[in-house]
Amino acid sequence: MRTVDELAGVKPGPEVRWQIVTKAKIQINGSRARLTEDGRTLDVNVKSPVGAVLSIAPAEGSEEFDEPIPGFQRLRVAVRAPASGEVQIKVEVSSSVGPVEAGRQ
């Protein structure tokens, strides 16, 4: 699945974020992240913009408008709004299921 979020008229300079809230374990490698939970994986690949920064943050209401979500964390993609005020974040997400457990089909 590919998602594209586009914003226009953004004041140049502030950080713009795209994020996923999850209980999964998150591993970041450059512009890619792998979320793992219960033998399942979700791979996130930031296609653009170049230089987007991936990070992990608690989902504990770190922003004044956020409510805490105990036991969850956020995978964030952050970019600075350019002088044009136009931001486009392209993210590709793919999933896979781990091995079938004995006795389950």
N, C-alpha and C. Protein backbone atom coordinates (compact mmCIF):
# COMPACT_ATOMS: atom_id res chain seq x y z
N MET A 1 0.84 -1.16 0.00
CA MET A 1 0.00 0.00 0.00
C MET A 1 0.89 1.23 0.00
N ARG A 2 0.54 2.20 -0.79
CA ARG A 2 1.28 3.45 -0.83
C ARG A 2 0.35 4.57 -0.43
N THR A 3 0.84 5.43 0.44
CA THR A 3 0.05 6.59 0.85
C THR A 3 0.83 7.85 0.52
N VAL A 4 0.13 8.87 0.07
CA VAL A 4 0.74 10.15 -0.23
C VAL A 4 -0.07 11.22 0.49
N ASP A 5 0.59 11.95 1.37
CA ASP A 5 -0.04 13.08 2.04
C ASP A 5 0.57 14.35 1.50
N GLU A 6 -0.28 15.28 1.07
CA GLU A 6 0.19 16.54 0.51
C GLU A 6 -0.41 17.70 1.29
N LEU A 7 0.44 18.66 1.60
CA LEU A 7 0.03 19.87 2.28
C LEU A 7 0.50 21.07 1.47
N ALA A 8 -0.32 22.10 1.42
CA ALA A 8 0.06 23.34 0.73
C ALA A 8 -0.24 24.51 1.67
N GLY A 9 0.51 25.58 1.51
CA GLY A 9 0.30 26.76 2.33
C GLY A 9 0.89 26.65 3.72
N VAL A 10 1.83 25.73 3.90
CA VAL A 10 2.48 25.55 5.20
C VAL A 10 3.53 26.63 5.38
N LYS A 11 3.56 27.22 6.56
CA LYS A 11 4.58 28.23 6.86
C LYS A 11 5.95 27.58 6.75
N PRO A 12 6.88 28.16 5.99
CA PRO A 12 8.20 27.57 5.85
C PRO A 12 8.93 27.44 7.19
N GLY A 13 9.58 26.28 7.39
CA GLY A 13 10.42 26.07 8.57
C GLY A 13 9.91 25.09 9.60
N PRO A 14 8.63 25.10 9.98
CA PRO A 14 8.20 24.18 11.02
C PRO A 14 8.30 22.72 10.59
N GLU A 15 8.36 21.84 11.59
CA GLU A 15 8.40 20.41 11.34
C GLU A 15 6.98 19.92 11.01
N VAL A 16 6.89 19.09 9.98
CA VAL A 16 5.64 18.45 9.59
C VAL A 16 5.83 16.96 9.85
N ARG A 17 4.83 16.31 10.48
CA ARG A 17 4.96 14.89 10.84
C ARG A 17 3.86 14.04 10.22
N TRP A 18 4.26 12.83 9.87
CA TRP A 18 3.36 11.74 9.50
C TRP A 18 3.67 10.66 10.52
N GLN A 19 2.65 10.00 11.07
CA GLN A 19 2.96 9.01 12.10
C GLN A 19 1.96 7.87 12.16
N ILE A 20 2.44 6.77 12.77
CA ILE A 20 1.63 5.59 13.05
C ILE A 20 1.70 5.36 14.56
N VAL A 21 0.58 5.09 15.18
CA VAL A 21 0.53 4.74 16.60
C VAL A 21 0.38 3.23 16.68
N THR A 22 1.24 2.58 17.49
CA THR A 22 1.29 1.12 17.50
C THR A 22 1.77 0.56 18.83
N LYS A 23 1.43 -0.69 19.09
CA LYS A 23 1.97 -1.44 20.23
C LYS A 23 3.19 -2.26 19.80
N ALA A 24 3.44 -2.33 18.51
CA ALA A 24 4.50 -3.18 17.97
C ALA A 24 5.89 -2.66 18.35
N LYS A 25 6.88 -3.57 18.31
CA LYS A 25 8.28 -3.20 18.46
C LYS A 25 8.71 -2.53 17.15
N ILE A 26 9.42 -1.41 17.24
CA ILE A 26 9.82 -0.66 16.05
C ILE A 26 11.34 -0.68 15.92
N GLN A 27 11.82 -1.02 14.72
CA GLN A 27 13.24 -0.95 14.39
C GLN A 27 13.38 -0.02 13.19
N ILE A 28 14.27 0.97 13.31
CA ILE A 28 14.48 1.93 12.23
C ILE A 28 15.84 1.69 11.59
N ASN A 29 15.86 1.75 10.24
CA ASN A 29 17.11 1.63 9.49
C ASN A 29 17.03 2.63 8.34
N GLY A 30 17.58 3.82 8.56
CA GLY A 30 17.55 4.86 7.53
C GLY A 30 16.14 5.34 7.27
N SER A 31 15.68 5.19 6.02
CA SER A 31 14.34 5.64 5.65
C SER A 31 13.31 4.51 5.76
N ARG A 32 13.69 3.43 6.42
CA ARG A 32 12.81 2.28 6.58
C ARG A 32 12.61 1.96 8.06
N ALA A 33 11.45 1.38 8.35
CA ALA A 33 11.17 0.91 9.71
C ALA A 33 10.45 -0.42 9.60
N ARG A 34 10.68 -1.27 10.59
CA ARG A 34 9.96 -2.55 10.67
C ARG A 34 9.26 -2.58 12.02
N LEU A 35 7.95 -2.83 11.96
CA LEU A 35 7.13 -2.98 13.15
C LEU A 35 6.84 -4.46 13.30
N THR A 36 7.09 -5.02 14.49
CA THR A 36 6.93 -6.45 14.72
C THR A 36 6.07 -6.68 15.95
N GLU A 37 5.07 -7.56 15.79
CA GLU A 37 4.22 -7.94 16.93
C GLU A 37 3.58 -9.29 16.64
N ASP A 38 3.69 -10.19 17.62
CA ASP A 38 3.05 -11.51 17.53
C ASP A 38 3.39 -12.25 16.24
N GLY A 39 4.65 -12.20 15.81
CA GLY A 39 5.07 -12.92 14.62
C GLY A 39 4.70 -12.26 13.31
N ARG A 40 4.09 -11.10 13.38
CA ARG A 40 3.71 -10.37 12.17
C ARG A 40 4.61 -9.15 12.01
N THR A 41 4.82 -8.74 10.78
CA THR A 41 5.63 -7.56 10.53
C THR A 41 4.91 -6.59 9.61
N LEU A 42 5.23 -5.33 9.81
CA LEU A 42 4.76 -4.27 8.93
C LEU A 42 5.99 -3.45 8.58
N ASP A 43 6.30 -3.39 7.29
CA ASP A 43 7.46 -2.64 6.82
C ASP A 43 7.00 -1.29 6.29
N VAL A 44 7.68 -0.26 6.72
CA VAL A 44 7.37 1.12 6.32
C VAL A 44 8.59 1.66 5.60
N ASN A 45 8.40 2.15 4.39
CA ASN A 45 9.49 2.69 3.57
C ASN A 45 9.10 4.10 3.14
N VAL A 46 9.85 5.10 3.62
CA VAL A 46 9.58 6.49 3.25
C VAL A 46 10.23 6.73 1.89
N LYS A 47 9.39 6.94 0.88
CA LYS A 47 9.86 7.14 -0.49
C LYS A 47 10.29 8.59 -0.74
N SER A 48 9.60 9.53 -0.12
CA SER A 48 9.96 10.94 -0.24
C SER A 48 9.29 11.71 0.87
N PRO A 49 9.86 12.84 1.24
CA PRO A 49 11.00 13.50 0.63
C PRO A 49 12.33 12.91 1.11
N VAL A 50 13.36 13.10 0.31
CA VAL A 50 14.70 12.71 0.71
C VAL A 50 15.05 13.51 1.96
N GLY A 51 15.66 12.86 2.92
CA GLY A 51 16.06 13.55 4.14
C GLY A 51 15.02 13.52 5.24
N ALA A 52 13.87 12.87 4.99
CA ALA A 52 12.89 12.71 6.06
C ALA A 52 13.52 11.92 7.20
N VAL A 53 13.19 12.26 8.43
CA VAL A 53 13.79 11.62 9.60
C VAL A 53 12.75 10.75 10.29
N LEU A 54 13.08 9.48 10.49
CA LEU A 54 12.21 8.57 11.23
C LEU A 54 12.65 8.54 12.69
N SER A 55 11.69 8.48 13.59
CA SER A 55 11.99 8.39 15.01
C SER A 55 10.86 7.67 15.73
N ILE A 56 11.15 7.29 16.96
CA ILE A 56 10.17 6.63 17.82
C ILE A 56 9.89 7.56 18.99
N ALA A 57 8.61 7.75 19.29
CA ALA A 57 8.23 8.62 20.41
C ALA A 57 7.13 7.92 21.21
N PRO A 58 7.09 8.14 22.51
CA PRO A 58 6.01 7.55 23.30
C PRO A 58 4.66 8.15 22.91
N ALA A 59 3.62 7.37 23.07
CA ALA A 59 2.26 7.87 22.81
C ALA A 59 1.65 8.25 24.16
N GLU A 60 2.35 9.11 24.85
CA GLU A 60 1.96 9.45 26.22
C GLU A 60 1.50 10.88 26.36
N GLY A 61 0.98 11.45 25.30
CA GLY A 61 0.48 12.81 25.40
C GLY A 61 1.58 13.84 25.47
N SER A 62 2.63 13.66 24.67
CA SER A 62 3.77 14.58 24.71
C SER A 62 3.43 15.96 24.15
N GLU A 63 2.40 16.03 23.35
CA GLU A 63 1.92 17.31 22.84
C GLU A 63 0.68 17.69 23.64
N GLU A 64 0.44 18.98 23.83
CA GLU A 64 -0.68 19.39 24.68
C GLU A 64 -2.03 18.95 24.12
N PHE A 65 -2.12 18.71 22.82
CA PHE A 65 -3.39 18.29 22.22
C PHE A 65 -3.55 16.78 22.19
N ASP A 66 -2.54 16.01 22.63
CA ASP A 66 -2.59 14.55 22.61
C ASP A 66 -3.07 13.98 23.94
N GLU A 67 -3.87 12.95 23.85
CA GLU A 67 -4.23 12.17 25.04
C GLU A 67 -3.23 11.02 25.15
N PRO A 68 -2.83 10.66 26.37
CA PRO A 68 -1.91 9.53 26.51
C PRO A 68 -2.56 8.21 26.07
N ILE A 69 -1.76 7.34 25.46
CA ILE A 69 -2.21 6.02 25.06
C ILE A 69 -1.22 5.02 25.66
N PRO A 70 -1.46 4.60 26.91
CA PRO A 70 -0.52 3.70 27.60
C PRO A 70 -0.24 2.43 26.81
N GLY A 71 1.04 2.03 26.78
CA GLY A 71 1.45 0.80 26.09
C GLY A 71 1.68 0.95 24.61
N PHE A 72 1.49 2.15 24.08
CA PHE A 72 1.67 2.40 22.65
C PHE A 72 2.82 3.36 22.41
N GLN A 73 3.32 3.38 21.19
CA GLN A 73 4.35 4.33 20.78
C GLN A 73 4.05 4.81 19.37
N ARG A 74 4.77 5.83 18.95
CA ARG A 74 4.56 6.41 17.62
C ARG A 74 5.80 6.22 16.77
N LEU A 75 5.58 5.81 15.53
CA LEU A 75 6.63 5.87 14.52
C LEU A 75 6.38 7.17 13.79
N ARG A 76 7.34 8.07 13.84
CA ARG A 76 7.17 9.39 13.23
C ARG A 76 8.08 9.55 12.02
N VAL A 77 7.55 10.23 11.02
CA VAL A 77 8.32 10.68 9.86
C VAL A 77 8.25 12.20 9.93
N ALA A 78 9.39 12.85 10.03
CA ALA A 78 9.42 14.31 10.18
C ALA A 78 10.22 14.96 9.07
N VAL A 79 9.68 16.07 8.56
CA VAL A 79 10.36 16.88 7.56
C VAL A 79 10.15 18.36 7.91
N ARG A 80 11.02 19.21 7.44
CA ARG A 80 10.85 20.65 7.61
C ARG A 80 10.11 21.19 6.40
N ALA A 81 9.16 22.06 6.65
CA ALA A 81 8.41 22.67 5.54
C ALA A 81 9.35 23.57 4.75
N PRO A 82 9.41 23.38 3.43
CA PRO A 82 10.31 24.17 2.60
C PRO A 82 9.76 25.57 2.34
N ALA A 83 10.55 26.41 1.73
CA ALA A 83 10.15 27.79 1.41
C ALA A 83 8.88 27.84 0.55
N SER A 84 8.68 26.82 -0.27
CA SER A 84 7.49 26.78 -1.13
C SER A 84 6.20 26.60 -0.34
N GLY A 85 6.33 26.08 0.88
CA GLY A 85 5.14 25.82 1.70
C GLY A 85 4.39 24.57 1.27
N GLU A 86 4.96 23.80 0.35
CA GLU A 86 4.33 22.58 -0.13
C GLU A 86 5.10 21.36 0.36
N VAL A 87 4.40 20.47 1.04
CA VAL A 87 5.02 19.27 1.60
C VAL A 87 4.31 18.05 1.03
N GLN A 88 5.09 17.08 0.57
CA GLN A 88 4.54 15.82 0.10
C GLN A 88 5.33 14.70 0.78
N ILE A 89 4.61 13.84 1.51
CA ILE A 89 5.24 12.70 2.17
C ILE A 89 4.66 11.44 1.54
N LYS A 90 5.55 10.63 0.93
CA LYS A 90 5.14 9.37 0.31
C LYS A 90 5.68 8.22 1.15
N VAL A 91 4.79 7.33 1.56
CA VAL A 91 5.17 6.20 2.39
C VAL A 91 4.58 4.92 1.79
N GLU A 92 5.42 3.91 1.70
CA GLU A 92 4.98 2.60 1.22
C GLU A 92 4.94 1.65 2.41
N VAL A 93 3.83 0.96 2.60
CA VAL A 93 3.65 0.05 3.73
C VAL A 93 3.34 -1.34 3.19
N SER A 94 4.06 -2.34 3.70
CA SER A 94 3.77 -3.72 3.30
C SER A 94 3.80 -4.60 4.55
N SER A 95 3.05 -5.69 4.51
CA SER A 95 2.98 -6.56 5.68
C SER A 95 3.28 -7.99 5.28
N SER A 96 3.65 -8.76 6.29
CA SER A 96 3.84 -10.19 6.09
C SER A 96 3.48 -10.88 7.40
N VAL A 97 3.05 -12.10 7.27
CA VAL A 97 2.68 -12.89 8.43
C VAL A 97 3.80 -13.88 8.68
N GLY A 98 4.18 -14.03 9.93
CA GLY A 98 5.24 -14.96 10.29
C GLY A 98 4.80 -16.41 10.10
N PRO A 99 5.63 -17.32 10.53
CA PRO A 99 5.32 -18.74 10.34
C PRO A 99 4.03 -19.14 11.08
N VAL A 100 3.33 -20.09 10.51
CA VAL A 100 2.10 -20.60 11.14
C VAL A 100 2.49 -21.39 12.37
N GLU A 101 1.83 -21.12 13.49
CA GLU A 101 2.12 -21.85 14.72
C GLU A 101 1.46 -23.22 14.67
N ALA A 102 2.07 -24.18 15.38
CA ALA A 102 1.51 -25.54 15.44
C ALA A 102 0.09 -25.48 15.98
N GLY A 103 -0.80 -26.19 15.33
CA GLY A 103 -2.18 -26.24 15.79
C GLY A 103 -3.04 -25.08 15.31
N ARG A 104 -2.46 -24.12 14.60
CA ARG A 104 -3.23 -22.99 14.08
C ARG A 104 -3.15 -22.98 12.57
N GLN A 105 -4.25 -22.64 11.94
CA GLN A 105 -4.25 -22.57 10.48
C GLN A 105 -4.81 -21.26 10.04
